[in-house]
PDB file of N, CA and C in Angstrom:
ATOM      1  N   MET A   1     -11.691  16.769  -9.801  1.00  0.00           N
ATOM      2  CA  MET A   1     -11.623  16.655 -11.245  1.00  0.00           C
ATOM      3  C   MET A   1     -11.900  18.019 -11.865  1.00  0.00           C
ATOM      4  N   ASN A   2     -11.212  18.334 -12.910  1.00  0.00           N
ATOM      5  CA  ASN A   2     -11.380  19.603 -13.604  1.00  0.00           C
ATOM      6  C   ASN A   2     -12.008  19.337 -14.970  1.00  0.00           C
ATOM      7  N   TYR A   3     -13.117  20.002 -15.262  1.00  0.00           N
ATOM      8  CA  TYR A   3     -13.784  19.846 -16.548  1.00  0.00           C
ATOM      9  C   TYR A   3     -13.688  21.162 -17.304  1.00  0.00           C
ATOM     10  N   ASP A   4     -13.134  21.107 -18.502  1.00  0.00           N
ATOM     11  CA  ASP A   4     -12.968  22.344 -19.261  1.00  0.00           C
ATOM     12  C   ASP A   4     -13.827  22.404 -20.516  1.00  0.00           C
ATOM     13  N   ASN A   5     -14.565  21.339 -20.803  1.00  0.00           N
ATOM     14  CA  ASN A   5     -15.447  21.332 -21.968  1.00  0.00           C
ATOM     15  C   ASN A   5     -16.852  21.703 -21.502  1.00  0.00           C
ATOM     16  N   ILE A   6     -17.076  23.016 -21.328  1.00  0.00           N
ATOM     17  CA  ILE A   6     -18.337  23.523 -20.782  1.00  0.00           C
ATOM     18  C   ILE A   6     -18.914  24.568 -21.733  1.00  0.00           C
ATOM     19  N   SER A   7     -20.205  24.468 -21.979  1.00  0.00           N
ATOM     20  CA  SER A   7     -20.909  25.459 -22.801  1.00  0.00           C
ATOM     21  C   SER A   7     -22.073  26.004 -21.986  1.00  0.00           C
ATOM     22  N   THR A   8     -22.366  27.271 -22.173  1.00  0.00           N
ATOM     23  CA  THR A   8     -23.485  27.903 -21.475  1.00  0.00           C
ATOM     24  C   THR A   8     -24.527  28.342 -22.496  1.00  0.00           C
ATOM     25  N   TYR A   9     -25.780  28.015 -22.221  1.00  0.00           N
ATOM     26  CA  TYR A   9     -26.903  28.372 -23.078  1.00  0.00           C
ATOM     27  C   TYR A   9     -27.969  29.042 -22.218  1.00  0.00           C
ATOM     28  N   TYR A  10     -28.755  29.882 -22.832  1.00  0.00           N
ATOM     29  CA  TYR A  10     -29.900  30.508 -22.170  1.00  0.00           C
ATOM     30  C   TYR A  10     -31.154  30.130 -22.945  1.00  0.00           C
ATOM     31  N   PHE A  11     -32.192  29.712 -22.215  1.00  0.00           N
ATOM     32  CA  PHE A  11     -33.451  29.314 -22.823  1.00  0.00           C
ATOM     33  C   PHE A  11     -34.600  30.099 -22.219  1.00  0.00           C
ATOM     34  N   ASP A  12     -35.565  30.448 -23.076  1.00  0.00           N
ATOM     35  CA  ASP A  12     -36.838  30.949 -22.590  1.00  0.00           C
ATOM     36  C   ASP A  12     -37.880  29.902 -22.956  1.00  0.00           C
ATOM     37  N   SER A  13     -39.138  30.174 -22.680  1.00  0.00           N
ATOM     38  CA  SER A  13     -40.197  29.239 -23.060  1.00  0.00           C
ATOM     39  C   SER A  13     -41.233  29.982 -23.881  1.00  0.00           C
ATOM     40  N   SER A  14     -42.154  29.247 -24.440  1.00  0.00           N
ATOM     41  CA  SER A  14     -43.184  29.877 -25.265  1.00  0.00           C
ATOM     42  C   SER A  14     -44.118  30.748 -24.434  1.00  0.00           C
ATOM     43  N   SER A  15     -44.230  30.469 -23.136  1.00  0.00           N
ATOM     44  CA  SER A  15     -45.143  31.239 -22.295  1.00  0.00           C
ATOM     45  C   SER A  15     -44.440  32.242 -21.380  1.00  0.00           C
ATOM     46  N   ASN A  16     -43.098  32.252 -21.380  1.00  0.00           N
ATOM     47  CA  ASN A  16     -42.380  33.144 -20.477  1.00  0.00           C
ATOM     48  C   ASN A  16     -41.035  33.501 -21.101  1.00  0.00           C
ATOM     49  N   ALA A  17     -40.756  34.778 -21.234  1.00  0.00           N
ATOM     50  CA  ALA A  17     -39.523  35.235 -21.881  1.00  0.00           C
ATOM     51  C   ALA A  17     -38.333  35.279 -20.933  1.00  0.00           C
ATOM     52  N   ARG A  18     -38.542  34.977 -19.651  1.00  0.00           N
ATOM     53  CA  ARG A  18     -37.427  34.985 -18.691  1.00  0.00           C
ATOM     54  C   ARG A  18     -36.388  33.948 -19.095  1.00  0.00           C
ATOM     55  N   LEU A  19     -35.140  34.351 -19.112  1.00  0.00           N
ATOM     56  CA  LEU A  19     -34.065  33.456 -19.521  1.00  0.00           C
ATOM     57  C   LEU A  19     -33.552  32.652 -18.330  1.00  0.00           C
ATOM     58  N   VAL A  20     -33.331  31.369 -18.568  1.00  0.00           N
ATOM     59  CA  VAL A  20     -32.752  30.467 -17.575  1.00  0.00           C
ATOM     60  C   VAL A  20     -31.434  29.961 -18.144  1.00  0.00           C
ATOM     61  N   ARG A  21     -30.387  29.963 -17.320  1.00  0.00           N
ATOM     62  CA  ARG A  21     -29.056  29.562 -17.774  1.00  0.00           C
ATOM     63  C   ARG A  21     -28.860  28.065 -17.610  1.00  0.00           C
ATOM     64  N   TYR A  22     -28.307  27.430 -18.653  1.00  0.00           N
ATOM     65  CA  TYR A  22     -27.983  26.010 -18.647  1.00  0.00           C
ATOM     66  C   TYR A  22     -26.503  25.848 -18.943  1.00  0.00           C
ATOM     67  N   ASP A  23     -25.761  25.303 -17.971  1.00  0.00           N
ATOM     68  CA  ASP A  23     -24.346  25.006 -18.158  1.00  0.00           C
ATOM     69  C   ASP A  23     -24.222  23.531 -18.524  1.00  0.00           C
ATOM     70  N   VAL A  24     -23.729  23.260 -19.727  1.00  0.00           N
ATOM     71  CA  VAL A  24     -23.588  21.904 -20.247  1.00  0.00           C
ATOM     72  C   VAL A  24     -22.134  21.483 -20.048  1.00  0.00           C
ATOM     73  N   VAL A  25     -21.919  20.468 -19.213  1.00  0.00           N
ATOM     74  CA  VAL A  25     -20.582  19.999 -18.865  1.00  0.00           C
ATOM     75  C   VAL A  25     -20.378  18.615 -19.466  1.00  0.00           C
ATOM     76  N   LYS A  26     -19.417  18.505 -20.376  1.00  0.00           N
ATOM     77  CA  LYS A  26     -19.120  17.214 -20.997  1.00  0.00           C
ATOM     78  C   LYS A  26     -18.186  16.439 -20.078  1.00  0.00           C
ATOM     79  N   ILE A  27     -18.705  15.355 -19.492  1.00  0.00           N
ATOM     80  CA  ILE A  27     -17.916  14.516 -18.596  1.00  0.00           C
ATOM     81  C   ILE A  27     -17.011  13.602 -19.406  1.00  0.00           C
ATOM     82  N   ASN A  28     -17.579  12.930 -20.414  1.00  0.00           N
ATOM     83  CA  ASN A  28     -16.829  12.113 -21.367  1.00  0.00           C
ATOM     84  C   ASN A  28     -17.664  12.013 -22.641  1.00  0.00           C
ATOM     85  N   GLU A  29     -17.263  11.182 -23.565  1.00  0.00           N
ATOM     86  CA  GLU A  29     -17.971  11.093 -24.845  1.00  0.00           C
ATOM     87  C   GLU A  29     -19.407  10.595 -24.706  1.00  0.00           C
ATOM     88  N   ASP A  30     -19.702   9.884 -23.622  1.00  0.00           N
ATOM     89  CA  ASP A  30     -21.013   9.267 -23.455  1.00  0.00           C
ATOM     90  C   ASP A  30     -21.893   9.901 -22.383  1.00  0.00           C
ATOM     91  N   LYS A  31     -21.389  10.901 -21.673  1.00  0.00           N
ATOM     92  CA  LYS A  31     -22.155  11.449 -20.551  1.00  0.00           C
ATOM     93  C   LYS A  31     -21.984  12.958 -20.460  1.00  0.00           C
ATOM     94  N   ILE A  32     -23.118  13.634 -20.293  1.00  0.00           N
ATOM     95  CA  ILE A  32     -23.146  15.084 -20.132  1.00  0.00           C
ATOM     96  C   ILE A  32     -24.000  15.413 -18.919  1.00  0.00           C
ATOM     97  N   ILE A  33     -23.527  16.359 -18.124  1.00  0.00           N
ATOM     98  CA  ILE A  33     -24.314  16.856 -16.994  1.00  0.00           C
ATOM     99  C   ILE A  33     -24.692  18.300 -17.300  1.00  0.00           C
ATOM    100  N   VAL A  34     -25.958  18.616 -17.073  1.00  0.00           N
ATOM    101  CA  VAL A  34     -26.453  19.966 -17.312  1.00  0.00           C
ATOM    102  C   VAL A  34     -26.922  20.537 -15.983  1.00  0.00           C
ATOM    103  N   LYS A  35     -26.408  21.707 -15.635  1.00  0.00           N
ATOM    104  CA  LYS A  35     -26.826  22.429 -14.435  1.00  0.00           C
ATOM    105  C   LYS A  35     -27.673  23.615 -14.887  1.00  0.00           C
ATOM    106  N   ALA A  36     -28.872  23.726 -14.347  1.00  0.00           N
ATOM    107  CA  ALA A  36     -29.782  24.820 -14.704  1.00  0.00           C
ATOM    108  C   ALA A  36     -29.844  25.815 -13.550  1.00  0.00           C
ATOM    109  N   PHE A  37     -29.696  27.102 -13.886  1.00  0.00           N
ATOM    110  CA  PHE A  37     -29.714  28.167 -12.882  1.00  0.00           C
ATOM    111  C   PHE A  37     -30.713  29.238 -13.286  1.00  0.00           C
ATOM    112  N   ASP A  38     -31.436  29.753 -12.298  1.00  0.00           N
ATOM    113  CA  ASP A  38     -32.428  30.787 -12.549  1.00  0.00           C
ATOM    114  C   ASP A  38     -32.259  31.881 -11.506  1.00  0.00           C
ATOM    115  N   GLN A  39     -32.578  33.121 -11.886  1.00  0.00           N
ATOM    116  CA  GLN A  39     -32.485  34.211 -10.930  1.00  0.00           C
ATOM    117  C   GLN A  39     -33.674  34.257  -9.996  1.00  0.00           C
ATOM    118  N   GLN A  40     -34.757  33.631 -10.372  1.00  0.00           N
ATOM    119  CA  GLN A  40     -35.872  33.500  -9.454  1.00  0.00           C
ATOM    120  C   GLN A  40     -36.599  32.218  -9.773  1.00  0.00           C
ATOM    121  N   GLN A  41     -37.137  31.597  -8.745  1.00  0.00           N
ATOM    122  CA  GLN A  41     -37.819  30.320  -8.914  1.00  0.00           C
ATOM    123  C   GLN A  41     -39.302  30.513  -8.643  1.00  0.00           C
ATOM    124  N   LYS A  42     -40.053  30.755  -9.712  1.00  0.00           N
ATOM    125  CA  LYS A  42     -41.504  30.951  -9.615  1.00  0.00           C
ATOM    126  C   LYS A  42     -41.859  32.019  -8.585  1.00  0.00           C
ATOM    127  N   ASP A  43     -41.137  33.126  -8.607  1.00  0.00           N
ATOM    128  CA  ASP A  43     -41.371  34.251  -7.718  1.00  0.00           C
ATOM    129  C   ASP A  43     -41.189  33.917  -6.238  1.00  0.00           C
ATOM    130  N   ILE A  44     -40.529  32.811  -5.920  1.00  0.00           N
ATOM    131  CA  ILE A  44     -40.281  32.462  -4.526  1.00  0.00           C
ATOM    132  C   ILE A  44     -38.983  33.112  -4.047  1.00  0.00           C
ATOM    133  N   ALA A  45     -37.947  32.992  -4.863  1.00  0.00           N
ATOM    134  CA  ALA A  45     -36.647  33.547  -4.484  1.00  0.00           C
ATOM    135  C   ALA A  45     -36.631  35.049  -4.739  1.00  0.00           C
ATOM    136  N   PRO A  46     -35.935  35.799  -3.921  1.00  0.00           N
ATOM    137  CA  PRO A  46     -35.810  37.238  -4.174  1.00  0.00           C
ATOM    138  C   PRO A  46     -35.120  37.487  -5.514  1.00  0.00           C
ATOM    139  N   PRO A  47     -35.430  38.567  -6.192  1.00  0.00           N
ATOM    140  CA  PRO A  47     -34.774  38.859  -7.471  1.00  0.00           C
ATOM    141  C   PRO A  47     -33.258  38.894  -7.316  1.00  0.00           C
ATOM    142  N   ASN A  48     -32.559  38.485  -8.357  1.00  0.00           N
ATOM    143  CA  ASN A  48     -31.105  38.485  -8.443  1.00  0.00           C
ATOM    144  C   ASN A  48     -30.418  37.453  -7.567  1.00  0.00           C
ATOM    145  N   VAL A  49     -31.126  36.558  -6.951  1.00  0.00           N
ATOM    146  CA  VAL A  49     -30.514  35.445  -6.247  1.00  0.00           C
ATOM    147  C   VAL A  49     -30.501  34.270  -7.226  1.00  0.00           C
ATOM    148  N   VAL A  50     -29.323  33.762  -7.495  1.00  0.00           N
ATOM    149  CA  VAL A  50     -29.203  32.656  -8.450  1.00  0.00           C
ATOM    150  C   VAL A  50     -29.460  31.348  -7.712  1.00  0.00           C
ATOM    151  N   VAL A  51     -30.412  30.587  -8.227  1.00  0.00           N
ATOM    152  CA  VAL A  51     -30.821  29.336  -7.607  1.00  0.00           C
ATOM    153  C   VAL A  51     -30.664  28.214  -8.624  1.00  0.00           C
ATOM    154  N   GLU A  52     -30.085  27.086  -8.198  1.00  0.00           N
ATOM    155  CA  GLU A  52     -30.018  25.927  -9.084  1.00  0.00           C
ATOM    156  C   GLU A  52     -31.407  25.307  -9.133  1.00  0.00           C
ATOM    157  N   VAL A  53     -31.971  25.223 -10.346  1.00  0.00           N
ATOM    158  CA  VAL A  53     -33.334  24.712 -10.502  1.00  0.00           C
ATOM    159  C   VAL A  53     -33.378  23.373 -11.233  1.00  0.00           C
ATOM    160  N   GLY A  54     -32.219  22.839 -11.567  1.00  0.00           N
ATOM    161  CA  GLY A  54     -32.215  21.548 -12.240  1.00  0.00           C
ATOM    162  C   GLY A  54     -30.823  20.984 -12.392  1.00  0.00           C
ATOM    163  N   ASN A  55     -30.762  19.670 -12.409  1.00  0.00           N
ATOM    164  CA  ASN A  55     -29.524  18.944 -12.631  1.00  0.00           C
ATOM    165  C   ASN A  55     -29.870  17.754 -13.517  1.00  0.00           C
ATOM    166  N   LEU A  56     -29.503  17.819 -14.792  1.00  0.00           N
ATOM    167  CA  LEU A  56     -29.844  16.767 -15.739  1.00  0.00           C
ATOM    168  C   LEU A  56     -28.614  15.945 -16.067  1.00  0.00           C
ATOM    169  N   VAL A  57     -28.763  14.639 -16.095  1.00  0.00           N
ATOM    170  CA  VAL A  57     -27.703  13.744 -16.552  1.00  0.00           C
ATOM    171  C   VAL A  57     -28.191  13.143 -17.858  1.00  0.00           C
ATOM    172  N   ILE A  58     -27.442  13.371 -18.921  1.00  0.00           N
ATOM    173  CA  ILE A  58     -27.845  12.927 -20.253  1.00  0.00           C
ATOM    174  C   ILE A  58     -26.755  12.019 -20.794  1.00  0.00           C
ATOM    175  N   THR A  59     -27.157  10.831 -21.259  1.00  0.00           N
ATOM    176  CA  THR A  59     -26.192   9.862 -21.770  1.00  0.00           C
ATOM    177  C   THR A  59     -26.509   9.485 -23.214  1.00  0.00           C
ATOM    178  N   LYS A  60     -25.501   8.996 -23.912  1.00  0.00           N
ATOM    179  CA  LYS A  60     -25.723   8.523 -25.281  1.00  0.00           C
ATOM    180  C   LYS A  60     -26.622   7.301 -25.287  1.00  0.00           C
ATOM    181  N   GLU A  61     -26.585   6.508 -24.221  1.00  0.00           N
ATOM    182  CA  GLU A  61     -27.460   5.345 -24.117  1.00  0.00           C
ATOM    183  C   GLU A  61     -28.925   5.789 -24.095  1.00  0.00           C
ATOM    184  N   GLN A  62     -29.216   6.816 -23.310  1.00  0.00           N
ATOM    185  CA  GLN A  62     -30.569   7.368 -23.238  1.00  0.00           C
ATOM    186  C   GLN A  62     -30.980   7.935 -24.598  1.00  0.00           C
ATOM    187  N   TYR A  63     -30.068   8.655 -25.242  1.00  0.00           N
ATOM    188  CA  TYR A  63     -30.304   9.221 -26.575  1.00  0.00           C
ATOM    189  C   TYR A  63     -30.644   8.120 -27.578  1.00  0.00           C
ATOM    190  N   SER A  64     -29.848   7.064 -27.604  1.00  0.00           N
ATOM    191  CA  SER A  64     -30.085   5.952 -28.530  1.00  0.00           C
ATOM    192  C   SER A  64     -31.424   5.287 -28.260  1.00  0.00           C
ATOM    193  N   LYS A  65     -31.768   5.131 -26.987  1.00  0.00           N
ATOM    194  CA  LYS A  65     -33.042   4.511 -26.617  1.00  0.00           C
ATOM    195  C   LYS A  65     -34.223   5.379 -27.051  1.00  0.00           C
ATOM    196  N   ASP A  66     -34.135   6.695 -26.799  1.00  0.00           N
ATOM    197  CA  ASP A  66     -35.226   7.602 -27.146  1.00  0.00           C
ATOM    198  C   ASP A  66     -35.479   7.671 -28.645  1.00  0.00           C
ATOM    199  N   TYR A  67     -34.423   7.543 -29.438  1.00  0.00           N
ATOM    200  CA  TYR A  67     -34.575   7.655 -30.887  1.00  0.00           C
ATOM    201  C   TYR A  67     -34.478   6.312 -31.606  1.00  0.00           C
ATOM    202  N   GLY A  68     -34.399   5.214 -30.868  1.00  0.00           N
ATOM    203  CA  GLY A  68     -34.377   3.895 -31.477  1.00  0.00           C
ATOM    204  C   GLY A  68     -33.167   3.684 -32.373  1.00  0.00           C
ATOM    205  N   LEU A  69     -32.031   4.193 -31.963  1.00  0.00           N
ATOM    206  CA  LEU A  69     -30.818   4.050 -32.759  1.00  0.00           C
ATOM    207  C   LEU A  69     -30.079   2.782 -32.352  1.00  0.00           C
ATOM    208  N   GLY A  70     -29.344   2.215 -33.285  1.00  0.00           N
ATOM    209  CA  GLY A  70     -28.637   0.976 -33.016  1.00  0.00           C
ATOM    210  C   GLY A  70     -29.567  -0.201 -33.242  1.00  0.00           C
ATOM    211  N   GLY A  71     -29.017  -1.299 -33.600  1.00  0.00           N
ATOM    212  CA  GLY A  71     -29.852  -2.468 -33.853  1.00  0.00           C
ATOM    213  C   GLY A  71     -30.574  -2.354 -35.185  1.00  0.00           C
ATOM    214  N   ARG A  72     -31.589  -3.167 -35.351  1.00  0.00           N
ATOM    215  CA  ARG A  72     -32.344  -3.185 -36.599  1.00  0.00           C
ATOM    216  C   ARG A  72     -33.306  -2.025 -36.691  1.00  0.00           C
ATOM    217  N   GLN A  73     -33.457  -1.518 -37.904  1.00  0.00           N
ATOM    218  CA  GLN A  73     -34.458  -0.473 -38.137  1.00  0.00           C
ATOM    219  C   GLN A  73     -35.802  -1.148 -38.281  1.00  0.00           C
ATOM    220  N   THR A  74     -36.776  -0.722 -37.490  1.00  0.00           N
ATOM    221  CA  THR A  74     -38.088  -1.365 -37.498  1.00  0.00           C
ATOM    222  C   THR A  74     -39.147  -0.548 -38.208  1.00  0.00           C
ATOM    223  N   SER A  75     -38.848   0.708 -38.509  1.00  0.00           N
ATOM    224  CA  SER A  75     -39.822   1.529 -39.208  1.00  0.00           C
ATOM    225  C   SER A  75     -39.108   2.616 -40.000  1.00  0.00           C
ATOM    226  N   ILE A  76     -39.864   3.235 -40.861  1.00  0.00           N
ATOM    227  CA  ILE A  76     -39.331   4.354 -41.629  1.00  0.00           C
ATOM    228  C   ILE A  76     -39.665   5.626 -40.873  1.00  0.00           C
ATOM    229  N   ARG A  77     -38.668   6.490 -40.706  1.00  0.00           N
ATOM    230  CA  ARG A  77     -38.874   7.724 -39.955  1.00  0.00           C
ATOM    231  C   ARG A  77     -39.174   8.873 -40.895  1.00  0.00           C
ATOM    232  N   ASP A  78     -40.014   9.777 -40.430  1.00  0.00           N
ATOM    233  CA  ASP A  78     -40.331  10.947 -41.235  1.00  0.00           C
ATOM    234  C   ASP A  78     -39.367  12.101 -40.969  1.00  0.00           C
ATOM    235  N   ARG A  79     -38.509  11.945 -39.966  1.00  0.00           N
ATOM    236  CA  ARG A  79     -37.473  12.949 -39.714  1.00  0.00           C
ATOM    237  C   ARG A  79     -36.248  12.267 -39.117  1.00  0.00           C
ATOM    238  N   MET A  80     -35.118  12.895 -39.342  1.00  0.00           N
ATOM    239  CA  MET A  80     -33.862  12.358 -38.826  1.00  0.00           C
ATOM    240  C   MET A  80     -33.745  12.657 -37.333  1.00  0.00           C
ATOM    241  N   ALA A  81     -33.069  11.772 -36.646  1.00  0.00           N
ATOM    242  CA  ALA A  81     -32.767  12.035 -35.241  1.00  0.00           C
ATOM    243  C   ALA A  81     -31.743  13.160 -35.165  1.00  0.00           C
ATOM    244  N   PRO A  82     -31.832  13.998 -34.141  1.00  0.00           N
ATOM    245  CA  PRO A  82     -30.829  15.060 -34.011  1.00  0.00           C
ATOM    246  C   PRO A  82     -29.485  14.463 -33.624  1.00  0.00           C
ATOM    247  N   SER A  83     -28.454  15.265 -33.713  1.00  0.00           N
ATOM    248  CA  SER A  83     -27.155  14.834 -33.207  1.00  0.00           C
ATOM    249  C   SER A  83     -27.254  14.731 -31.689  1.00  0.00           C
ATOM    250  N   PHE A  84     -26.257  14.136 -31.063  1.00  0.00           N
ATOM    251  CA  PHE A  84     -26.274  14.033 -29.610  1.00  0.00           C
ATOM    252  C   PHE A  84     -26.287  15.434 -28.982  1.00  0.00           C
ATOM    253  N   GLY A  85     -25.536  16.368 -29.559  1.00  0.00           N
ATOM    254  CA  GLY A  85     -25.545  17.742 -29.066  1.00  0.00           C
ATOM    255  C   GLY A  85     -26.918  18.387 -29.209  1.00  0.00           C
ATOM    256  N   GLY A  86     -27.594  18.115 -30.325  1.00  0.00           N
ATOM    257  CA  GLY A  86     -28.949  18.624 -30.528  1.00  0.00           C
ATOM    258  C   GLY A  86     -29.925  18.023 -29.539  1.00  0.00           C
ATOM    259  N   TYR A  87     -29.723  16.751 -29.209  1.00  0.00           N
ATOM    260  CA  TYR A  87     -30.561  16.068 -28.227  1.00  0.00           C
ATOM    261  C   TYR A  87     -30.417  16.725 -26.847  1.00  0.00           C
ATOM    262  N   VAL A  88     -29.187  17.089 -26.483  1.00  0.00           N
ATOM    263  CA  VAL A  88     -28.944  17.755 -25.205  1.00  0.00           C
ATOM    264  C   VAL A  88     -29.713  19.075 -25.154  1.00  0.00           C
ATOM    265  N   LEU A  89     -29.671  19.834 -26.237  1.00  0.00           N
ATOM    266  CA  LEU A  89     -30.393  21.109 -26.275  1.00  0.00           C
ATOM    267  C   LEU A  89     -31.905  20.903 -26.215  1.00  0.00           C
ATOM    268  N   GLU A  90     -32.409  19.834 -26.849  1.00  0.00           N
ATOM    269  CA  GLU A  90     -33.839  19.511 -26.758  1.00  0.00           C
ATOM    270  C   GLU A  90     -34.239  19.244 -25.313  1.00  0.00           C
ATOM    271  N   LYS A  91     -33.411  18.490 -24.593  1.00  0.00           N
ATOM    272  CA  LYS A  91     -33.703  18.172 -23.191  1.00  0.00           C
ATOM    273  C   LYS A  91     -33.680  19.435 -22.331  1.00  0.00           C
ATOM    274  N   CYS A  92     -32.762  20.356 -22.628  1.00  0.00           N
ATOM    275  CA  CYS A  92     -32.719  21.627 -21.903  1.00  0.00           C
ATOM    276  C   CYS A  92     -34.004  22.421 -22.147  1.00  0.00           C
ATOM    277  N   GLN A  93     -34.455  22.468 -23.400  1.00  0.00           N
ATOM    278  CA  GLN A  93     -35.679  23.202 -23.721  1.00  0.00           C
ATOM    279  C   GLN A  93     -36.889  22.556 -23.051  1.00  0.00           C
ATOM    280  N   GLU A  94     -36.947  21.229 -23.025  1.00  0.00           N
ATOM    281  CA  GLU A  94     -38.043  20.529 -22.339  1.00  0.00           C
ATOM    282  C   GLU A  94     -38.052  20.910 -20.854  1.00  0.00           C
ATOM    283  N   HIS A  95     -36.880  20.911 -20.236  1.00  0.00           N
ATOM    284  CA  HIS A  95     -36.780  21.270 -18.823  1.00  0.00           C
ATOM    285  C   HIS A  95     -37.244  22.712 -18.603  1.00  0.00           C
ATOM    286  N   ARG A  96     -36.806  23.626 -19.472  1.00  0.00           N
ATOM    287  CA  ARG A  96     -37.175  25.033 -19.348  1.00  0.00           C
ATOM    288  C   ARG A  96     -38.691  25.197 -19.450  1.00  0.00           C
ATOM    289  N   ASN A  97     -39.316  24.479 -20.379  1.00  0.00           N
ATOM    290  CA  ASN A  97     -40.768  24.565 -20.530  1.00  0.00           C
ATOM    291  C   ASN A  97     -41.499  24.070 -19.276  1.00  0.00           C
ATOM    292  N   LEU A  98     -40.941  23.084 -18.594  1.00  0.00           N
ATOM    293  CA  LEU A  98     -41.568  22.559 -17.382  1.00  0.00           C
ATOM    294  C   LEU A  98     -41.494  23.531 -16.203  1.00  0.00           C
ATOM    295  N   LEU A  99     -40.528  24.442 -16.227  1.00  0.00           N
ATOM    296  CA  LEU A  99     -40.396  25.400 -15.120  1.00  0.00           C
ATOM    297  C   LEU A  99     -41.591  26.341 -15.046  1.00  0.00           C
ATOM    298  N   ASP A 100     -42.293  26.547 -16.140  1.00  0.00           N
ATOM    299  CA  ASP A 100     -43.435  27.461 -16.152  1.00  0.00           C
ATOM    300  C   ASP A 100     -44.739  26.795 -15.749  1.00  0.00           C
ATOM    301  N   ASN A 101     -44.733  25.500 -15.570  1.00  0.00           N
ATOM    302  CA  ASN A 101     -45.972  24.784 -15.190  1.00  0.00           C
ATOM    303  C   ASN A 101     -46.199  24.816 -13.715  1.00  0.00           C
TER     304      ASN A 101
END
């Protein structure tokens, strides 16, 4: 299968300025796969060796569940839910922050 709807993002964390690459691959309207690559994995890998450090599968079903979308509204929210694309970027940032722990 050939996927041509791919975006690349780089994230750092609040405690580490090292950039980690995230390739966001749109499989279909409801599913996105994110591949995370780093040039070093917690100083284990030699510098300049690209290592896959994560593989995230993100679905609209998961997004709806996390933000309580669909069905009846049970409470008033103090902020709007992000778009699905914004949700994907939030998950990438969460993953990046975990790499420093």
